[in-house]
Amino acid sequence: MPLLAILLDILTLGAYWLQVDVFDSGLTLIGFVFQIAMVLILFLVTIDYQGPRVTRYRPAGYGYLTIRYGLIIMSFVINAIVLFLYGLAYFKINDVLFHQVALLILK
């Protein structure tokens, strides 16, 4: 499962680099839909994870996540934030993701 999360991260990063290289509005929609699909898959991986979720070491009542489950959670959280930024860019609210590309086009 953690390797699947890393693989999905690499795929989403590759899709982002492709969009930055081409920078087409149609490709932005495809990237937005692709990011939605990847976040949903990561959400299912997070729920379906069968391994241990917290370590046996619990100082002061707080349990730490295992490295494997923490990797899946971090992958999900980062991709969900990127999905939010994709939504902002696609609906033209804020172009944080594609800001450098917009600057290069305007020059």
Foldseek 3Di string as FASTA:
>chain_A
DLVVLVVLVVVLVVLLVVCLVVVDLVSLVVSLVSLVVSLVVLVVCLVPDDDDQFDPDAPPNHTHGDPSSVSSVVSNVVSVVVSVQSVCCNVVVDNPSNVVSVVVVVD
